[in-house]
């Protein structure tokens, strides 16, 4: 039985182990992606965004929690049992070369997932021409190689390859960050057109908040492997509840017409090591509102309002218009 929820993460953990060190890349992540929506995941480099993307397509097997596709637990599935996920969820990487083998023609690259799905040869060729047209490239491109195209064209081809099996969800890991601004806009508009035409769901990984605001229905903010805030896009940008979200948004905040330039929050210090996660709130060492409780008690991700979740002992106390310029010099209080 299908539902509006295409993919669900339930309490997902993921660790990397090596040389006696365990890196906690994801910690108790619970998210869902619904049919026809874009859920964006944002945060600094090292926060776990790309790891989550790879768990979504089972390039990584989570070390804890469950991954469900239409309610079916595929966390530890292999072989035939993974076929529904392989057909229903596709991925586009930041570098299109991650999706395209330079030794293969575009035809081979686009038809490979169709052959794996058991589609007959004539139907594969027909579908390859169809998806190339959908992404704005001529059918003649099928017999060329990736190096013959520009970066924007290669990303269109990577998208065509992902769309070829008619997935329900596409995982997009920084798909426009390596492109020029004009080409980036073309790809984003193409994504919106494809979504509207096919009711696609997107899990969109990005650090570009302008792009996120343009494309997303909901946004999940991650810090050190955890989701610290989840909200509708308009609600998140209008009134972030977590201090980390405030800091991210203040860096790109534009003043209203005729208003003075807004004060910016400059995050001090480095992201803590995922190999030695703090006992309390992972953000406490960089937060200008942190208290003793924050440093010793990990806040749970709880529903602050319908459809809105935040993991903070002092939600909503930091605002975009009244924050210190430097958390390092801010005064903290105990609460």
Protein backbone atom coordinates (compact mmCIF):
# COMPACT_ATOMS: atom_id res chain seq x y z
CA UNK A 1 0.00 0.00 0.00
CA UNK A 2 1.37 3.42 -0.95
CA UNK A 3 1.02 6.60 1.06
CA UNK A 4 1.86 10.26 0.54
CA UNK A 5 5.10 9.57 2.42
CA UNK A 6 7.56 8.17 -0.11
CA UNK A 7 10.64 7.81 2.08
CA UNK A 8 10.94 7.90 5.86
CA UNK A 9 13.98 7.95 8.14
CA UNK A 10 13.18 6.69 11.65
CA UNK A 11 15.84 7.29 14.29
CA UNK A 12 18.66 6.86 11.77
CA UNK A 13 22.21 6.56 13.09
CA UNK A 14 25.30 6.16 10.98
CA UNK A 15 28.86 5.69 12.18
CA UNK A 16 32.17 5.41 10.37
CA UNK A 17 34.74 3.29 12.17
CA UNK A 18 38.46 3.01 11.56
CA UNK A 19 41.77 2.98 13.44
CA UNK A 20 39.98 2.74 16.76
CA UNK A 21 37.87 5.86 16.14
CA UNK A 22 34.11 5.96 15.67
CA UNK A 23 32.70 8.99 13.85
CA UNK A 24 29.03 9.67 14.55
CA UNK A 25 27.91 11.06 11.18
CA UNK A 26 24.16 10.79 11.87
CA UNK A 27 22.42 10.66 15.24
CA UNK A 28 18.75 9.77 15.66
CA UNK A 29 17.56 11.43 12.44
CA UNK A 30 13.81 11.17 11.81
CA UNK A 31 12.46 12.78 8.63
CA UNK A 32 9.92 12.02 5.94
CA UNK A 33 9.73 13.05 2.29
CA UNK A 34 6.26 13.31 0.78
CA UNK A 35 5.04 12.87 -2.76
CA UNK A 36 5.42 16.04 -4.82
CA UNK A 37 7.35 18.04 -2.21
CA UNK A 38 10.90 19.28 -1.83
CA UNK A 39 12.48 18.69 1.57
CA UNK A 40 15.79 20.52 1.79
CA UNK A 41 18.54 19.68 4.27
CA UNK A 42 20.93 22.49 5.18
CA UNK A 43 23.91 23.02 7.46
CA UNK A 44 27.66 23.54 7.48
CA UNK A 45 30.09 21.16 5.83
CA UNK A 46 30.49 18.12 8.06
CA UNK A 47 26.98 18.26 9.52
CA UNK A 48 25.89 14.96 7.92
CA UNK A 49 23.88 16.16 4.90
CA UNK A 50 25.66 14.08 2.27
CA UNK A 51 25.75 11.04 4.55
CA UNK A 52 21.97 11.29 4.88
CA UNK A 53 21.65 11.49 1.08
CA UNK A 54 23.69 8.32 0.67
CA UNK A 55 21.67 6.51 3.32
CA UNK A 56 18.51 7.49 1.41
CA UNK A 57 19.62 5.51 -1.64
CA UNK A 58 21.31 2.79 0.48
CA UNK A 59 24.82 3.59 -0.71
CA UNK A 60 25.39 3.53 3.06
CA UNK A 61 23.59 1.12 5.33
CA UNK A 62 22.63 2.89 8.57
CA UNK A 63 24.02 1.48 11.80
CA UNK A 64 20.78 2.21 13.64
CA UNK A 65 17.15 3.09 12.98
CA UNK A 66 15.04 2.21 9.95
CA UNK A 67 14.75 3.40 6.36
CA UNK A 68 11.27 2.91 4.92
CA UNK A 69 10.08 3.17 1.32
CA UNK A 70 6.28 3.44 1.25
CA UNK A 71 6.20 1.95 4.72
CA UNK A 72 8.41 -1.05 3.84
CA UNK A 73 11.54 -1.39 5.98
CA UNK A 74 14.52 -1.65 3.61
CA UNK A 75 17.22 -0.86 6.16
CA UNK A 76 18.96 -4.21 5.80
CA UNK A 77 17.53 -5.38 2.50
CA UNK A 78 19.81 -6.68 -0.24
CA UNK A 79 19.50 -7.90 -3.82
CA UNK A 80 15.93 -8.37 -5.05
CA UNK A 81 14.48 -6.93 -1.85
CA UNK A 82 16.12 -3.57 -2.67
CA UNK A 83 14.64 -3.32 -6.16
CA UNK A 84 11.66 -1.14 -5.16
CA UNK A 85 14.07 1.41 -3.66
CA UNK A 86 16.45 1.21 -6.62
CA UNK A 87 13.59 1.92 -9.04
CA UNK A 88 11.77 4.45 -6.90
CA UNK A 89 14.65 6.57 -5.58
CA UNK A 90 17.44 7.98 -7.77
CA UNK A 91 20.34 10.29 -6.99
CA UNK A 92 22.07 13.25 -8.68
CA UNK A 93 25.50 14.16 -7.33
CA UNK A 94 27.21 17.55 -6.97
CA UNK A 95 29.71 16.58 -9.66
CA UNK A 96 27.89 15.02 -12.65
CA UNK A 97 30.94 12.84 -13.18
CA UNK A 98 29.74 11.00 -10.05
CA UNK A 99 26.74 9.87 -12.11
CA UNK A 100 28.33 9.59 -15.56
CA UNK A 101 31.09 7.17 -16.50
CA UNK A 102 33.42 9.06 -18.88
CA UNK A 103 34.03 5.82 -20.82
CA UNK A 104 30.36 5.37 -21.69
CA UNK A 105 28.24 7.19 -24.23
CA UNK A 106 25.27 9.15 -22.92
CA UNK A 107 23.06 6.44 -24.38
CA UNK A 108 24.75 3.76 -22.28
CA UNK A 109 24.63 5.90 -19.15
CA UNK A 110 20.95 6.71 -19.48
CA UNK A 111 19.81 3.21 -20.47
CA UNK A 112 21.83 1.28 -17.85
CA UNK A 113 19.25 1.70 -15.04
CA UNK A 114 16.48 0.79 -17.50
CA UNK A 115 18.26 -2.41 -18.47
CA UNK A 116 18.75 -3.26 -14.79
CA UNK A 117 14.99 -2.78 -14.35
CA UNK A 118 14.31 -5.32 -17.11
CA UNK A 119 13.02 -2.93 -19.78
CA UNK A 120 13.14 -4.23 -23.37
CA UNK A 121 15.79 -2.75 -25.68
CA UNK A 122 13.41 -0.80 -27.98
CA UNK A 123 11.65 0.69 -24.97
CA UNK A 124 15.00 1.66 -23.42
CA UNK A 125 16.00 3.58 -26.54
CA UNK A 126 12.63 5.31 -26.73
CA UNK A 127 12.81 6.32 -23.07
CA UNK A 128 16.39 7.61 -23.45
CA UNK A 129 15.35 9.96 -26.25
CA UNK A 130 12.32 11.05 -24.25
CA UNK A 131 14.18 12.01 -21.07
CA UNK A 132 16.92 13.81 -22.97
CA UNK A 133 14.26 15.97 -24.60
CA UNK A 134 12.68 16.58 -21.19
CA UNK A 135 15.93 18.06 -19.87
CA UNK A 136 16.40 20.24 -22.96
CA UNK A 137 18.99 18.28 -24.93
CA UNK A 138 18.70 16.87 -28.47
CA UNK A 139 18.48 13.13 -29.09
CA UNK A 140 21.72 13.38 -31.10
CA UNK A 141 23.56 13.81 -27.80
CA UNK A 142 22.96 10.15 -26.97
CA UNK A 143 25.96 9.00 -28.98
CA UNK A 144 28.37 11.51 -27.48
CA UNK A 145 30.57 11.23 -24.38
CA UNK A 146 30.41 13.32 -21.17
CA UNK A 147 33.60 15.29 -21.92
CA UNK A 148 31.93 16.76 -25.02
CA UNK A 149 29.46 18.75 -22.91
CA UNK A 150 29.62 21.75 -20.59
CA UNK A 151 29.13 21.40 -16.84
CA UNK A 152 25.51 22.50 -17.05
CA UNK A 153 24.79 20.07 -19.89
CA UNK A 154 26.42 17.21 -17.99
CA UNK A 155 24.21 17.96 -15.00
CA UNK A 156 21.17 17.86 -17.30
CA UNK A 157 22.35 14.46 -18.54
CA UNK A 158 22.82 13.27 -14.95
CA UNK A 159 19.27 14.39 -14.23
CA UNK A 160 18.01 12.58 -17.34
CA UNK A 161 19.72 9.40 -16.12
CA UNK A 162 18.03 9.77 -12.73
CA UNK A 163 14.61 10.41 -14.30
CA UNK A 164 14.82 7.58 -16.83
CA UNK A 165 13.42 4.83 -14.51
CA UNK A 166 10.48 7.13 -13.59
CA UNK A 167 11.39 7.42 -9.89
CA UNK A 168 9.10 8.83 -7.25
CA UNK A 169 11.92 10.60 -5.40
CA UNK A 170 15.20 12.13 -6.55
CA UNK A 171 17.98 12.79 -4.05
CA UNK A 172 19.91 15.89 -5.12
CA UNK A 173 23.24 16.37 -3.36
CA UNK A 174 24.42 19.96 -4.04
CA UNK A 175 23.44 19.56 -7.72
CA UNK A 176 24.04 23.21 -8.69
CA UNK A 177 26.91 24.32 -6.44
CA UNK A 178 29.59 23.75 -9.10
CA UNK A 179 27.68 25.65 -11.80
CA UNK A 180 27.68 29.30 -12.89
CA UNK A 181 24.78 31.36 -11.54
CA UNK A 182 22.97 31.54 -14.88
CA UNK A 183 23.31 27.80 -15.46
CA UNK A 184 22.29 27.16 -11.85
CA UNK A 185 19.04 29.04 -12.44
CA UNK A 186 18.32 26.95 -15.54
CA UNK A 187 18.78 23.70 -13.63
CA UNK A 188 16.61 24.90 -10.73
CA UNK A 189 13.82 25.93 -13.09
CA UNK A 190 14.10 22.57 -14.82
CA UNK A 191 13.78 20.78 -11.49
CA UNK A 192 10.61 22.71 -10.69
CA UNK A 193 9.14 21.94 -14.12
CA UNK A 194 9.91 18.23 -13.76
CA UNK A 195 8.42 18.14 -10.29
CA UNK A 196 5.19 19.81 -11.40
CA UNK A 197 4.83 17.54 -14.41
CA UNK A 198 5.55 14.25 -12.62
CA UNK A 199 4.68 14.90 -8.93
CA UNK A 200 8.28 14.10 -8.05
CA UNK A 201 9.56 14.30 -4.50
CA UNK A 202 13.01 15.82 -3.95
CA UNK A 203 15.42 15.41 -1.06
CA UNK A 204 17.59 18.46 -1.74
CA UNK A 205 20.96 18.80 -0.02
CA UNK A 206 22.45 22.28 -0.08
CA UNK A 207 24.37 24.98 1.77
CA UNK A 208 22.95 27.73 -0.47
CA UNK A 209 20.03 29.20 1.46
CA UNK A 210 18.89 31.33 -1.47
CA UNK A 211 18.47 28.21 -3.59
CA UNK A 212 16.79 26.41 -0.70
CA UNK A 213 14.30 29.22 -0.21
CA UNK A 214 13.41 29.19 -3.91
CA UNK A 215 12.95 25.44 -4.30
CA UNK A 216 11.79 24.02 -0.97
CA UNK A 217 8.49 23.26 0.70
CA UNK A 218 10.11 22.29 4.02
CA UNK A 219 13.61 22.68 5.44
CA UNK A 220 15.51 20.50 7.91
CA UNK A 221 18.51 22.15 9.59
CA UNK A 222 21.30 19.77 10.62
CA UNK A 223 24.15 20.29 13.04
CA UNK A 224 26.76 17.64 13.87
CA UNK A 225 24.63 14.77 12.56
CA UNK A 226 21.37 15.86 14.20
CA UNK A 227 18.25 17.64 12.97
CA UNK A 228 17.95 20.73 15.17
CA UNK A 229 15.03 22.38 13.39
CA UNK A 230 12.36 21.38 10.87
CA UNK A 231 9.75 23.74 9.45
CA UNK A 232 7.92 24.97 6.38
CA UNK A 233 10.25 27.12 4.31
CA UNK A 234 8.32 30.36 4.77
CA UNK A 235 8.04 29.82 8.53
CA UNK A 236 11.71 28.99 8.92
CA UNK A 237 12.91 32.09 7.07
CA UNK A 238 10.38 34.35 8.79
CA UNK A 239 11.13 33.20 12.33
CA UNK A 240 13.84 30.61 13.01
CA UNK A 241 13.57 28.99 16.45
CA UNK A 242 17.05 27.48 16.95
CA UNK A 243 20.09 29.77 17.48
CA UNK A 244 22.04 27.83 14.85
CA UNK A 245 19.31 28.47 12.27
CA UNK A 246 19.37 32.15 13.26
CA UNK A 247 23.11 32.24 12.62
CA UNK A 248 22.76 30.57 9.21
CA UNK A 249 19.99 32.89 8.08
CA UNK A 250 21.52 36.10 9.41
CA UNK A 251 24.51 35.54 7.15
CA UNK A 252 22.25 35.96 4.09
CA UNK A 253 19.60 38.28 5.53
CA UNK A 254 18.75 41.20 3.26
CA UNK A 255 17.35 44.45 4.70
CA UNK A 256 13.85 45.63 3.96
CA UNK A 257 13.57 48.55 1.54
CA UNK A 258 14.73 51.71 3.32
CA UNK A 259 15.80 49.82 6.45
CA UNK A 260 19.26 49.81 7.98
CA UNK A 261 21.54 46.90 7.21
CA UNK A 262 20.82 44.01 9.60
CA UNK A 263 23.32 42.93 12.23
CA UNK A 264 25.04 39.69 11.37
CA UNK A 265 25.73 36.73 13.62
CA UNK A 266 29.27 35.47 13.14
CA UNK A 267 29.71 31.94 14.37
CA UNK A 268 32.91 31.55 16.33
CA UNK A 269 34.81 28.36 16.81
CA UNK A 270 34.81 25.16 14.80
CA UNK A 271 32.20 22.46 14.37
CA UNK A 272 32.95 19.93 17.16
CA UNK A 273 34.44 16.61 16.16
CA UNK A 274 31.91 13.94 15.28
CA UNK A 275 34.31 11.50 16.93
CA UNK A 276 33.81 13.23 20.31
CA UNK A 277 30.24 14.53 20.36
CA UNK A 278 29.50 16.79 23.37
CA UNK A 279 27.32 15.36 26.11
CA UNK A 280 24.72 18.13 26.00
CA UNK A 281 23.58 20.26 23.07
CA UNK A 282 26.09 19.86 20.25
CA UNK A 283 25.81 23.58 19.48
CA UNK A 284 26.37 24.78 23.06
CA UNK A 285 30.06 25.61 22.64
CA UNK A 286 29.23 28.13 19.89
CA UNK A 287 25.87 29.37 21.16
CA UNK A 288 25.54 32.81 22.75
CA UNK A 289 22.48 31.64 24.73
CA UNK A 290 24.01 28.46 26.16
CA UNK A 291 23.43 27.65 29.82
CA UNK A 292 24.72 24.93 32.14
CA UNK A 293 21.69 22.87 31.17
CA UNK A 294 22.56 23.21 27.48
CA UNK A 295 26.08 21.97 28.12
CA UNK A 296 24.98 18.87 30.04
CA UNK A 297 21.54 17.86 28.73
CA UNK A 298 20.93 17.03 25.10
CA UNK A 299 17.68 18.67 23.93
CA UNK A 300 15.12 16.44 22.23
CA UNK A 301 13.61 17.35 18.87
CA UNK A 302 10.04 18.22 19.85
CA UNK A 303 7.03 19.70 18.09
CA UNK A 304 6.88 23.42 18.84
CA UNK A 305 3.84 23.93 16.57
CA UNK A 306 1.99 21.80 14.00
CA UNK A 307 4.55 20.75 11.41
CA UNK A 308 7.38 22.52 13.21
CA UNK A 309 10.07 20.86 15.32
CA UNK A 310 13.04 22.26 17.22
CA UNK A 311 15.75 20.77 19.46
CA UNK A 312 16.64 23.58 21.86
CA UNK A 313 16.21 24.36 25.57
CA UNK A 314 15.59 28.03 24.69
CA UNK A 315 13.66 27.96 21.40
CA UNK A 316 12.74 31.27 19.86
CA UNK A 317 14.88 33.41 22.17
CA UNK A 318 17.41 34.20 19.45
CA UNK A 319 15.99 36.39 16.68
CA UNK A 320 17.21 37.66 13.34
CA UNK A 321 16.94 41.28 14.45
CA UNK A 322 18.39 41.09 17.95
CA UNK A 323 21.50 38.93 18.11
CA UNK A 324 25.07 39.68 19.17
CA UNK A 325 27.67 40.27 16.50
CA UNK A 326 29.92 37.69 18.09
CA UNK A 327 28.67 34.79 20.21
CA UNK A 328 32.13 34.61 21.76
CA UNK A 329 31.52 37.95 23.55
CA UNK A 330 27.86 37.40 24.41
CA UNK A 331 26.72 37.11 28.00
CA UNK A 332 25.05 33.84 28.94
CA UNK A 333 22.55 33.30 31.69
CA UNK A 334 21.36 30.25 33.55
CA UNK A 335 17.80 29.22 33.01
